[in-house]
Amino acid sequence: DYFVFHAPYNKLVQKSYGRLHLLDARRRHAREQARKARGEEEKKDGHDDEVTAAASDEQDPAIPADYLTKPIEETYSDKSLEKTLKSVSKASYDRRLSDANAASKVV
């Protein structure tokens, strides 16, 4: 399985994919915090859903914790976060999207 993004510039596709990683990480973080608040342990027997499964199937470097709780609106123009997301999602991007975006890199 893989995503196919369409954009006139591949850099926009990379940014979009990195943003998906941030949103997935924020969702996982919120779930973990809710479990801790309820006193539940983290599930060890598999993934909660396809979002967690898709995001955790590689050993990506972690997204800094302050970005997981920062208001989402404050992350939109953060260039440091943009670079972090690009590096965090690189392995997954290469595996899932590089074939689909090969033509846009050449054109």
PDB file of N, CA and C in Angstrom:
ATOM      1  N   ASP A   1       0.835  -1.186   0.000  1.00  0.00           N
ATOM      2  CA  ASP A   1       0.000   0.000   0.000  1.00  0.00           C
ATOM      3  C   ASP A   1       0.876   1.245   0.000  1.00  0.00           C
ATOM      4  N   TYR A   2       0.382   2.271  -0.659  1.00  0.00           N
ATOM      5  CA  TYR A   2       1.108   3.533  -0.663  1.00  0.00           C
ATOM      6  C   TYR A   2       0.157   4.672  -0.970  1.00  0.00           C
ATOM      7  N   PHE A   3       0.589   5.872  -0.631  1.00  0.00           N
ATOM      8  CA  PHE A   3      -0.173   7.077  -0.927  1.00  0.00           C
ATOM      9  C   PHE A   3       0.255   7.602  -2.284  1.00  0.00           C
ATOM     10  N   VAL A   4      -0.643   8.247  -2.968  1.00  0.00           N
ATOM     11  CA  VAL A   4      -0.291   8.969  -4.184  1.00  0.00           C
ATOM     12  C   VAL A   4      -0.780  10.395  -3.988  1.00  0.00           C
ATOM     13  N   PHE A   5       0.154  11.319  -3.897  1.00  0.00           N
ATOM     14  CA  PHE A   5      -0.166  12.728  -3.764  1.00  0.00           C
ATOM     15  C   PHE A   5       0.096  13.381  -5.106  1.00  0.00           C
ATOM     16  N   HIS A   6      -0.685  14.369  -5.434  1.00  0.00           N
ATOM     17  CA  HIS A   6      -0.429  15.115  -6.650  1.00  0.00           C
ATOM     18  C   HIS A   6      -0.112  16.545  -6.270  1.00  0.00           C
ATOM     19  N   ALA A   7       0.984  17.031  -6.752  1.00  0.00           N
ATOM     20  CA  ALA A   7       1.357  18.426  -6.559  1.00  0.00           C
ATOM     21  C   ALA A   7       2.298  18.796  -7.698  1.00  0.00           C
ATOM     22  N   PRO A   8       2.287  20.051  -8.081  1.00  0.00           N
ATOM     23  CA  PRO A   8       3.194  20.445  -9.163  1.00  0.00           C
ATOM     24  C   PRO A   8       4.659  20.397  -8.723  1.00  0.00           C
ATOM     25  N   TYR A   9       4.901  20.448  -7.437  1.00  0.00           N
ATOM     26  CA  TYR A   9       6.271  20.428  -6.923  1.00  0.00           C
ATOM     27  C   TYR A   9       6.400  19.356  -5.861  1.00  0.00           C
ATOM     28  N   ASN A  10       7.405  18.520  -5.980  1.00  0.00           N
ATOM     29  CA  ASN A  10       7.581  17.411  -5.064  1.00  0.00           C
ATOM     30  C   ASN A  10       7.813  17.877  -3.638  1.00  0.00           C
ATOM     31  N   LYS A  11       8.372  19.050  -3.460  1.00  0.00           N
ATOM     32  CA  LYS A  11       8.612  19.573  -2.117  1.00  0.00           C
ATOM     33  C   LYS A  11       7.290  19.704  -1.344  1.00  0.00           C
ATOM     34  N   LEU A  12       6.216  20.077  -2.024  1.00  0.00           N
ATOM     35  CA  LEU A  12       4.906  20.171  -1.379  1.00  0.00           C
ATOM     36  C   LEU A  12       4.411  18.799  -0.938  1.00  0.00           C
ATOM     37  N   VAL A  13       4.695  17.793  -1.722  1.00  0.00           N
ATOM     38  CA  VAL A  13       4.304  16.432  -1.365  1.00  0.00           C
ATOM     39  C   VAL A  13       5.062  15.992  -0.118  1.00  0.00           C
ATOM     40  N   GLN A  14       6.354  16.268  -0.061  1.00  0.00           N
ATOM     41  CA  GLN A  14       7.150  15.906   1.111  1.00  0.00           C
ATOM     42  C   GLN A  14       6.636  16.611   2.365  1.00  0.00           C
ATOM     43  N   LYS A  15       6.299  17.890   2.249  1.00  0.00           N
ATOM     44  CA  LYS A  15       5.766  18.638   3.390  1.00  0.00           C
ATOM     45  C   LYS A  15       4.438  18.046   3.844  1.00  0.00           C
ATOM     46  N   SER A  16       3.585  17.693   2.895  1.00  0.00           N
ATOM     47  CA  SER A  16       2.278  17.115   3.231  1.00  0.00           C
ATOM     48  C   SER A  16       2.444  15.787   3.951  1.00  0.00           C
ATOM     49  N   TYR A  17       3.343  14.972   3.476  1.00  0.00           N
ATOM     50  CA  TYR A  17       3.567  13.674   4.105  1.00  0.00           C
ATOM     51  C   TYR A  17       4.142  13.845   5.508  1.00  0.00           C
ATOM     52  N   GLY A  18       5.054  14.792   5.673  1.00  0.00           N
ATOM     53  CA  GLY A  18       5.599  15.088   7.002  1.00  0.00           C
ATOM     54  C   GLY A  18       4.517  15.558   7.955  1.00  0.00           C
ATOM     55  N   ARG A  19       3.591  16.359   7.443  1.00  0.00           N
ATOM     56  CA  ARG A  19       2.474  16.857   8.254  1.00  0.00           C
ATOM     57  C   ARG A  19       1.587  15.691   8.702  1.00  0.00           C
ATOM     58  N   LEU A  20       1.396  14.691   7.838  1.00  0.00           N
ATOM     59  CA  LEU A  20       0.641  13.499   8.242  1.00  0.00           C
ATOM     60  C   LEU A  20       1.309  12.801   9.422  1.00  0.00           C
ATOM     61  N   HIS A  21       2.633  12.751   9.392  1.00  0.00           N
ATOM     62  CA  HIS A  21       3.361  12.145  10.508  1.00  0.00           C
ATOM     63  C   HIS A  21       3.117  12.913  11.798  1.00  0.00           C
ATOM     64  N   LEU A  22       3.127  14.230  11.724  1.00  0.00           N
ATOM     65  CA  LEU A  22       2.860  15.033  12.919  1.00  0.00           C
ATOM     66  C   LEU A  22       1.450  14.770  13.433  1.00  0.00           C
ATOM     67  N   LEU A  23       0.474  14.769  12.557  1.00  0.00           N
ATOM     68  CA  LEU A  23      -0.902  14.550  12.984  1.00  0.00           C
ATOM     69  C   LEU A  23      -1.086  13.169  13.602  1.00  0.00           C
ATOM     70  N   ASP A  24      -0.442  12.165  13.015  1.00  0.00           N
ATOM     71  CA  ASP A  24      -0.503  10.820  13.587  1.00  0.00           C
ATOM     72  C   ASP A  24       0.161  10.780  14.965  1.00  0.00           C
ATOM     73  N   ALA A  25       1.313  11.429  15.103  1.00  0.00           N
ATOM     74  CA  ALA A  25       2.023  11.453  16.382  1.00  0.00           C
ATOM     75  C   ALA A  25       1.198  12.175  17.444  1.00  0.00           C
ATOM     76  N   ARG A  26       0.562  13.280  17.070  1.00  0.00           N
ATOM     77  CA  ARG A  26      -0.286  14.015  18.016  1.00  0.00           C
ATOM     78  C   ARG A  26      -1.468  13.153  18.460  1.00  0.00           C
ATOM     79  N   ARG A  27      -2.049  12.413  17.529  1.00  0.00           N
ATOM     80  CA  ARG A  27      -3.178  11.530  17.848  1.00  0.00           C
ATOM     81  C   ARG A  27      -2.741  10.418  18.800  1.00  0.00           C
ATOM     82  N   ARG A  28      -1.590   9.803  18.516  1.00  0.00           N
ATOM     83  CA  ARG A  28      -1.077   8.750  19.404  1.00  0.00           C
ATOM     84  C   ARG A  28      -0.776   9.307  20.793  1.00  0.00           C
ATOM     85  N   HIS A  29      -0.171  10.493  20.833  1.00  0.00           N
ATOM     86  CA  HIS A  29       0.168  11.124  22.105  1.00  0.00           C
ATOM     87  C   HIS A  29      -1.099  11.396  22.921  1.00  0.00           C
ATOM     88  N   ALA A  30      -2.123  11.908  22.299  1.00  0.00           N
ATOM     89  CA  ALA A  30      -3.386  12.190  22.990  1.00  0.00           C
ATOM     90  C   ALA A  30      -3.997  10.898  23.537  1.00  0.00           C
ATOM     91  N   ARG A  31      -3.948   9.822  22.736  1.00  0.00           N
ATOM     92  CA  ARG A  31      -4.465   8.528  23.198  1.00  0.00           C
ATOM     93  C   ARG A  31      -3.690   8.008  24.398  1.00  0.00           C
ATOM     94  N   GLU A  32      -2.352   8.125  24.328  1.00  0.00           N
ATOM     95  CA  GLU A  32      -1.518   7.665  25.437  1.00  0.00           C
ATOM     96  C   GLU A  32      -1.812   8.457  26.706  1.00  0.00           C
ATOM     97  N   GLN A  33      -1.976   9.767  26.563  1.00  0.00           N
ATOM     98  CA  GLN A  33      -2.280  10.604  27.727  1.00  0.00           C
ATOM     99  C   GLN A  33      -3.638  10.230  28.316  1.00  0.00           C
ATOM    100  N   ALA A  34      -4.610   9.965  27.469  1.00  0.00           N
ATOM    101  CA  ALA A  34      -5.934   9.562  27.948  1.00  0.00           C
ATOM    102  C   ALA A  34      -5.872   8.219  28.668  1.00  0.00           C
ATOM    103  N   ARG A  35      -5.092   7.284  28.133  1.00  0.00           N
ATOM    104  CA  ARG A  35      -4.933   5.976  28.792  1.00  0.00           C
ATOM    105  C   ARG A  35      -4.285   6.143  30.159  1.00  0.00           C
ATOM    106  N   LYS A  36      -3.248   6.962  30.205  1.00  0.00           N
ATOM    107  CA  LYS A  36      -2.569   7.198  31.488  1.00  0.00           C
ATOM    108  C   LYS A  36      -3.522   7.821  32.491  1.00  0.00           C
ATOM    109  N   ALA A  37      -4.341   8.748  32.043  1.00  0.00           N
ATOM    110  CA  ALA A  37      -5.296   9.409  32.929  1.00  0.00           C
ATOM    111  C   ALA A  37      -6.328   8.413  33.469  1.00  0.00           C
ATOM    112  N   ARG A  38      -6.685   7.426  32.654  1.00  0.00           N
ATOM    113  CA  ARG A  38      -7.638   6.397  33.084  1.00  0.00           C
ATOM    114  C   ARG A  38      -6.958   5.273  33.854  1.00  0.00           C
ATOM    115  N   GLY A  39      -5.628   5.265  33.860  1.00  0.00           N
ATOM    116  CA  GLY A  39      -4.899   4.220  34.563  1.00  0.00           C
ATOM    117  C   GLY A  39      -4.732   2.947  33.774  1.00  0.00           C
ATOM    118  N   GLU A  40      -4.938   3.013  32.473  1.00  0.00           N
ATOM    119  CA  GLU A  40      -4.797   1.833  31.624  1.00  0.00           C
ATOM    120  C   GLU A  40      -3.363   1.703  31.153  1.00  0.00           C
ATOM    121  N   GLU A  41      -2.986   0.470  30.837  1.00  0.00           N
ATOM    122  CA  GLU A  41      -1.667   0.242  30.257  1.00  0.00           C
ATOM    123  C   GLU A  41      -1.760   0.323  28.746  1.00  0.00           C
ATOM    124  N   GLU A  42      -0.607   0.631  28.120  1.00  0.00           N
ATOM    125  CA  GLU A  42      -0.541   0.675  26.666  1.00  0.00           C
ATOM    126  C   GLU A  42      -0.729  -0.726  26.114  1.00  0.00           C
ATOM    127  N   LYS A  43      -1.456  -0.829  25.000  1.00  0.00           N
ATOM    128  CA  LYS A  43      -1.676  -2.137  24.382  1.00  0.00           C
ATOM    129  C   LYS A  43      -0.365  -2.689  23.850  1.00  0.00           C
ATOM    130  N   LYS A  44      -0.099  -3.949  24.162  1.00  0.00           N
ATOM    131  CA  LYS A  44       1.140  -4.593  23.722  1.00  0.00           C
ATOM    132  C   LYS A  44       0.888  -5.631  22.642  1.00  0.00           C
ATOM    133  N   ASP A  45      -0.373  -5.968  22.399  1.00  0.00           N
ATOM    134  CA  ASP A  45      -0.685  -7.067  21.500  1.00  0.00           C
ATOM    135  C   ASP A  45      -0.962  -6.637  20.067  1.00  0.00           C
ATOM    136  N   GLY A  46      -0.688  -5.422  19.742  1.00  0.00           N
ATOM    137  CA  GLY A  46      -0.933  -4.980  18.373  1.00  0.00           C
ATOM    138  C   GLY A  46      -1.225  -3.500  18.346  1.00  0.00           C
ATOM    139  N   HIS A  47      -1.776  -3.063  17.259  1.00  0.00           N
ATOM    140  CA  HIS A  47      -2.044  -1.650  17.056  1.00  0.00           C
ATOM    141  C   HIS A  47      -3.507  -1.350  17.280  1.00  0.00           C
ATOM    142  N   ASP A  48      -3.776  -0.149  17.784  1.00  0.00           N
ATOM    143  CA  ASP A  48      -5.156   0.282  18.003  1.00  0.00           C
ATOM    144  C   ASP A  48      -5.914   0.397  16.699  1.00  0.00           C
ATOM    145  N   ASP A  49      -5.254   0.948  15.697  1.00  0.00           N
ATOM    146  CA  ASP A  49      -5.929   1.202  14.430  1.00  0.00           C
ATOM    147  C   ASP A  49      -4.900   1.339  13.328  1.00  0.00           C
ATOM    148  N   GLU A  50      -5.398   1.550  12.131  1.00  0.00           N
ATOM    149  CA  GLU A  50      -4.492   1.626  10.988  1.00  0.00           C
ATOM    150  C   GLU A  50      -3.582   2.839  11.034  1.00  0.00           C
ATOM    151  N   VAL A  51      -4.007   3.926  11.682  1.00  0.00           N
ATOM    152  CA  VAL A  51      -3.165   5.120  11.775  1.00  0.00           C
ATOM    153  C   VAL A  51      -1.924   4.806  12.594  1.00  0.00           C
ATOM    154  N   THR A  52      -2.111   4.189  13.762  1.00  0.00           N
ATOM    155  CA  THR A  52      -0.983   3.827  14.600  1.00  0.00           C
ATOM    156  C   THR A  52      -0.106   2.802  13.891  1.00  0.00           C
ATOM    157  N   ALA A  53      -0.722   1.840  13.247  1.00  0.00           N
ATOM    158  CA  ALA A  53       0.040   0.803  12.558  1.00  0.00           C
ATOM    159  C   ALA A  53       0.883   1.400  11.447  1.00  0.00           C
ATOM    160  N   ALA A  54       0.304   2.273  10.659  1.00  0.00           N
ATOM    161  CA  ALA A  54       1.028   2.861   9.542  1.00  0.00           C
ATOM    162  C   ALA A  54       2.166   3.743  10.018  1.00  0.00           C
ATOM    163  N   ALA A  55       1.957   4.480  11.079  1.00  0.00           N
ATOM    164  CA  ALA A  55       2.958   5.428  11.546  1.00  0.00           C
ATOM    165  C   ALA A  55       4.088   4.748  12.306  1.00  0.00           C
ATOM    166  N   SER A  56       3.825   3.594  12.912  1.00  0.00           N
ATOM    167  CA  SER A  56       4.840   3.003  13.763  1.00  0.00           C
ATOM    168  C   SER A  56       5.552   1.818  13.119  1.00  0.00           C
ATOM    169  N   ASP A  57       5.360   1.603  11.841  1.00  0.00           N
ATOM    170  CA  ASP A  57       5.981   0.441  11.223  1.00  0.00           C
ATOM    171  C   ASP A  57       7.445   0.667  10.874  1.00  0.00           C
ATOM    172  N   GLU A  58       7.964   1.853  11.061  1.00  0.00           N
ATOM    173  CA  GLU A  58       9.391   2.104  10.929  1.00  0.00           C
ATOM    174  C   GLU A  58       9.906   2.636  12.246  1.00  0.00           C
ATOM    175  N   GLN A  59      11.202   2.611  12.408  1.00  0.00           N
ATOM    176  CA  GLN A  59      11.821   3.174  13.593  1.00  0.00           C
ATOM    177  C   GLN A  59      12.247   4.601  13.287  1.00  0.00           C
ATOM    178  N   ASP A  60      11.277   5.489  13.137  1.00  0.00           N
ATOM    179  CA  ASP A  60      11.563   6.896  12.856  1.00  0.00           C
ATOM    180  C   ASP A  60      12.017   7.597  14.111  1.00  0.00           C
ATOM    181  N   PRO A  61      12.869   8.612  13.945  1.00  0.00           N
ATOM    182  CA  PRO A  61      13.214   9.424  15.108  1.00  0.00           C
ATOM    183  C   PRO A  61      11.945  10.071  15.642  1.00  0.00           C
ATOM    184  N   ALA A  62      11.924  10.312  16.917  1.00  0.00           N
ATOM    185  CA  ALA A  62      10.722  10.867  17.542  1.00  0.00           C
ATOM    186  C   ALA A  62      10.546  12.346  17.206  1.00  0.00           C
ATOM    187  N   ILE A  63       9.308  12.760  17.144  1.00  0.00           N
ATOM    188  CA  ILE A  63       8.980  14.171  17.007  1.00  0.00           C
ATOM    189  C   ILE A  63       9.079  14.763  18.404  1.00  0.00           C
ATOM    190  N   PRO A  64       9.763  15.889  18.579  1.00  0.00           N
ATOM    191  CA  PRO A  64       9.901  16.484  19.911  1.00  0.00           C
ATOM    192  C   PRO A  64       8.546  16.668  20.602  1.00  0.00           C
ATOM    193  N   ALA A  65       8.503  16.343  21.883  1.00  0.00           N
ATOM    194  CA  ALA A  65       7.256  16.339  22.649  1.00  0.00           C
ATOM    195  C   ALA A  65       6.541  17.680  22.651  1.00  0.00           C
ATOM    196  N   ASP A  66       7.290  18.781  22.610  1.00  0.00           N
ATOM    197  CA  ASP A  66       6.616  20.083  22.656  1.00  0.00           C
ATOM    198  C   ASP A  66       5.724  20.309  21.439  1.00  0.00           C
ATOM    199  N   TYR A  67       6.015  19.679  20.319  1.00  0.00           N
ATOM    200  CA  TYR A  67       5.171  19.815  19.130  1.00  0.00           C
ATOM    201  C   TYR A  67       3.903  18.967  19.230  1.00  0.00           C
ATOM    202  N   LEU A  68       3.915  17.983  20.112  1.00  0.00           N
ATOM    203  CA  LEU A  68       2.751  17.111  20.258  1.00  0.00           C
ATOM    204  C   LEU A  68       1.637  17.767  21.065  1.00  0.00           C
ATOM    205  N   THR A  69       1.997  18.774  21.843  1.00  0.00           N
ATOM    206  CA  THR A  69       1.000  19.450  22.681  1.00  0.00           C
ATOM    207  C   THR A  69       0.786  20.904  22.291  1.00  0.00           C
ATOM    208  N   LYS A  70       1.642  21.419  21.440  1.00  0.00           N
ATOM    209  CA  LYS A  70       1.523  22.815  20.990  1.00  0.00           C
ATOM    210  C   LYS A  70       0.242  22.979  20.171  1.00  0.00           C
ATOM    211  N   PRO A  71      -0.459  24.097  20.306  1.00  0.00           N
ATOM    212  CA  PRO A  71      -1.650  24.301  19.462  1.00  0.00           C
ATOM    213  C   PRO A  71      -1.279  24.162  17.983  1.00  0.00           C
ATOM    214  N   ILE A  72      -2.088  23.425  17.266  1.00  0.00           N
ATOM    215  CA  ILE A  72      -1.775  23.090  15.875  1.00  0.00           C
ATOM    216  C   ILE A  72      -1.564  24.328  15.019  1.00  0.00           C
ATOM    217  N   GLU A  73      -2.301  25.389  15.302  1.00  0.00           N
ATOM    218  CA  GLU A  73      -2.180  26.624  14.518  1.00  0.00           C
ATOM    219  C   GLU A  73      -0.775  27.217  14.618  1.00  0.00           C
ATOM    220  N   GLU A  74      -0.115  26.998  15.744  1.00  0.00           N
ATOM    221  CA  GLU A  74       1.235  27.536  15.948  1.00  0.00           C
ATOM    222  C   GLU A  74       2.294  26.729  15.204  1.00  0.00           C
ATOM    223  N   THR A  75       1.943  25.593  14.676  1.00  0.00           N
ATOM    224  CA  THR A  75       2.919  24.758  13.971  1.00  0.00           C
ATOM    225  C   THR A  75       2.964  25.036  12.473  1.00  0.00           C
ATOM    226  N   TYR A  76       1.976  25.752  11.951  1.00  0.00           N
ATOM    227  CA  TYR A  76       1.864  25.918  10.502  1.00  0.00           C
ATOM    228  C   TYR A  76       3.048  26.649   9.872  1.00  0.00           C
ATOM    229  N   SER A  77       3.616  27.619  10.547  1.00  0.00           N
ATOM    230  CA  SER A  77       4.703  28.399   9.943  1.00  0.00           C
ATOM    231  C   SER A  77       6.044  28.137  10.612  1.00  0.00           C
ATOM    232  N   ASP A  78       6.165  27.052  11.334  1.00  0.00           N
ATOM    233  CA  ASP A  78       7.392  26.718  12.061  1.00  0.00           C
ATOM    234  C   ASP A  78       8.371  25.989  11.130  1.00  0.00           C
ATOM    235  N   LYS A  79       9.399  26.690  10.695  1.00  0.00           N
ATOM    236  CA  LYS A  79      10.372  26.113   9.751  1.00  0.00           C
ATOM    237  C   LYS A  79      11.207  25.004  10.394  1.00  0.00           C
ATOM    238  N   SER A  80      11.483  25.141  11.689  1.00  0.00           N
ATOM    239  CA  SER A  80      12.237  24.103  12.387  1.00  0.00           C
ATOM    240  C   SER A  80      11.444  22.798  12.415  1.00  0.00           C
ATOM    241  N   LEU A  81      10.168  22.900  12.683  1.00  0.00           N
ATOM    242  CA  LEU A  81       9.310  21.717  12.678  1.00  0.00           C
ATOM    243  C   LEU A  81       9.256  21.110  11.282  1.00  0.00           C
ATOM    244  N   GLU A  82       9.177  21.946  10.286  1.00  0.00           N
ATOM    245  CA  GLU A  82       9.135  21.466   8.899  1.00  0.00           C
ATOM    246  C   GLU A  82      10.354  20.599   8.577  1.00  0.00           C
ATOM    247  N   LYS A  83      11.528  21.044   8.992  1.00  0.00           N
ATOM    248  CA  LYS A  83      12.756  20.264   8.765  1.00  0.00           C
ATOM    249  C   LYS A  83      12.731  18.963   9.553  1.00  0.00           C
ATOM    250  N   THR A  84      12.253  19.045  10.799  1.00  0.00           N
ATOM    251  CA  THR A  84      12.158  17.852  11.634  1.00  0.00           C
ATOM    252  C   THR A  84      11.214  16.833  11.013  1.00  0.00           C
ATOM    253  N   LEU A  85      10.065  17.301  10.563  1.00  0.00           N
ATOM    254  CA  LEU A  85       9.081  16.391   9.962  1.00  0.00           C
ATOM    255  C   LEU A  85       9.614  15.743   8.695  1.00  0.00           C
ATOM    256  N   LYS A  86      10.368  16.498   7.927  1.00  0.00           N
ATOM    257  CA  LYS A  86      10.940  15.935   6.698  1.00  0.00           C
ATOM    258  C   LYS A  86      11.911  14.801   7.039  1.00  0.00           C
ATOM    259  N   SER A  87      12.730  15.001   8.068  1.00  0.00           N
ATOM    260  CA  SER A  87      13.689  13.945   8.433  1.00  0.00           C
ATOM    261  C   SER A  87      12.986  12.756   9.094  1.00  0.00           C
ATOM    262  N   VAL A  88      11.973  13.027   9.921  1.00  0.00           N
ATOM    263  CA  VAL A  88      11.243  11.960  10.596  1.00  0.00           C
ATOM    264  C   VAL A  88      10.503  11.079   9.601  1.00  0.00           C
ATOM    265  N   SER A  89       9.944  11.677   8.574  1.00  0.00           N
ATOM    266  CA  SER A  89       9.126  10.914   7.629  1.00  0.00           C
ATOM    267  C   SER A  89       9.901  10.408   6.410  1.00  0.00           C
ATOM    268  N   LYS A  90      11.189  10.682   6.331  1.00  0.00           N
ATOM    269  CA  LYS A  90      11.971  10.352   5.145  1.00  0.00           C
ATOM    270  C   LYS A  90      11.940   8.859   4.783  1.00  0.00           C
ATOM    271  N   ALA A  91      12.190   8.006   5.748  1.00  0.00           N
ATOM    272  CA  ALA A  91      12.230   6.563   5.447  1.00  0.00           C
ATOM    273  C   ALA A  91      10.879   6.066   4.940  1.00  0.00           C
ATOM    274  N   SER A  92       9.830   6.492   5.597  1.00  0.00           N
ATOM    275  CA  SER A  92       8.492   6.084   5.183  1.00  0.00           C
ATOM    276  C   SER A  92       8.143   6.687   3.824  1.00  0.00           C
ATOM    277  N   TYR A  93       8.502   7.947   3.621  1.00  0.00           N
ATOM    278  CA  TYR A  93       8.257   8.613   2.336  1.00  0.00           C
ATOM    279  C   TYR A  93       8.952   7.857   1.204  1.00  0.00           C
ATOM    280  N   ASP A  94      10.220   7.538   1.400  1.00  0.00           N
ATOM    281  CA  ASP A  94      10.976   6.833   0.364  1.00  0.00           C
ATOM    282  C   ASP A  94      10.350   5.487   0.042  1.00  0.00           C
ATOM    283  N   ARG A  95       9.891   4.792   1.057  1.00  0.00           N
ATOM    284  CA  ARG A  95       9.318   3.465   0.863  1.00  0.00           C
ATOM    285  C   ARG A  95       7.936   3.528   0.228  1.00  0.00           C
ATOM    286  N   ARG A  96       7.127   4.514   0.633  1.00  0.00           N
ATOM    287  CA  ARG A  96       5.736   4.529   0.200  1.00  0.00           C
ATOM    288  C   ARG A  96       5.432   5.439  -0.978  1.00  0.00           C
ATOM    289  N   LEU A  97       6.165   6.523  -1.138  1.00  0.00           N
ATOM    290  CA  LEU A  97       5.780   7.521  -2.124  1.00  0.00           C
ATOM    291  C   LEU A  97       6.779   7.753  -3.245  1.00  0.00           C
ATOM    292  N   SER A  98       7.999   7.330  -3.076  1.00  0.00           N
ATOM    293  CA  SER A  98       9.007   7.682  -4.071  1.00  0.00           C
ATOM    294  C   SER A  98       8.659   7.173  -5.465  1.00  0.00           C
ATOM    295  N   ASP A  99       8.124   5.967  -5.571  1.00  0.00           N
ATOM    296  CA  ASP A  99       7.753   5.440  -6.889  1.00  0.00           C
ATOM    297  C   ASP A  99       6.644   6.268  -7.535  1.00  0.00           C
ATOM    298  N   ALA A 100       5.653   6.623  -6.740  1.00  0.00           N
ATOM    299  CA  ALA A 100       4.510   7.371  -7.258  1.00  0.00           C
ATOM    300  C   ALA A 100       4.882   8.788  -7.661  1.00  0.00           C
ATOM    301  N   ASN A 101       5.943   9.327  -7.073  1.00  0.00           N
ATOM    302  CA  ASN A 101       6.338  10.711  -7.352  1.00  0.00           C
ATOM    303  C   ASN A 101       7.568  10.823  -8.237  1.00  0.00           C
ATOM    304  N   ALA A 102       8.011   9.747  -8.799  1.00  0.00           N
ATOM    305  CA  ALA A 102       9.214   9.768  -9.631  1.00  0.00           C
ATOM    306  C   ALA A 102       9.057  10.684 -10.841  1.00  0.00           C
ATOM    307  N   ALA A 103       7.913  10.657 -11.461  1.00  0.00           N
ATOM    308  CA  ALA A 103       7.715  11.466 -12.679  1.00  0.00           C
ATOM    309  C   ALA A 103       7.769  12.973 -12.366  1.00  0.00           C
ATOM    310  N   SER A 104       7.189  13.397 -11.252  1.00  0.00           N
ATOM    311  CA  SER A 104       7.201  14.813 -10.929  1.00  0.00           C
ATOM    312  C   SER A 104       8.593  15.336 -10.615  1.00  0.00           C
ATOM    313  N   LYS A 105       9.481  14.451 -10.201  1.00  0.00           N
ATOM    314  CA  LYS A 105      10.864  14.859  -9.941  1.00  0.00           C
ATOM    315  C   LYS A 105      11.621  15.099 -11.245  1.00  0.00           C
ATOM    316  N   VAL A 106      11.249  14.402 -12.293  1.00  0.00           N
ATOM    317  CA  VAL A 106      11.934  14.500 -13.582  1.00  0.00           C
ATOM    318  C   VAL A 106      11.409  15.665 -14.409  1.00  0.00           C
ATOM    319  N   VAL A 107      10.126  15.911 -14.320  1.00  0.00           N
ATOM    320  CA  VAL A 107       9.479  16.937 -15.146  1.00  0.00           C
ATOM    321  C   VAL A 107       9.854  18.317 -14.715  1.00  0.00           C
TER     322      VAL A 107
END
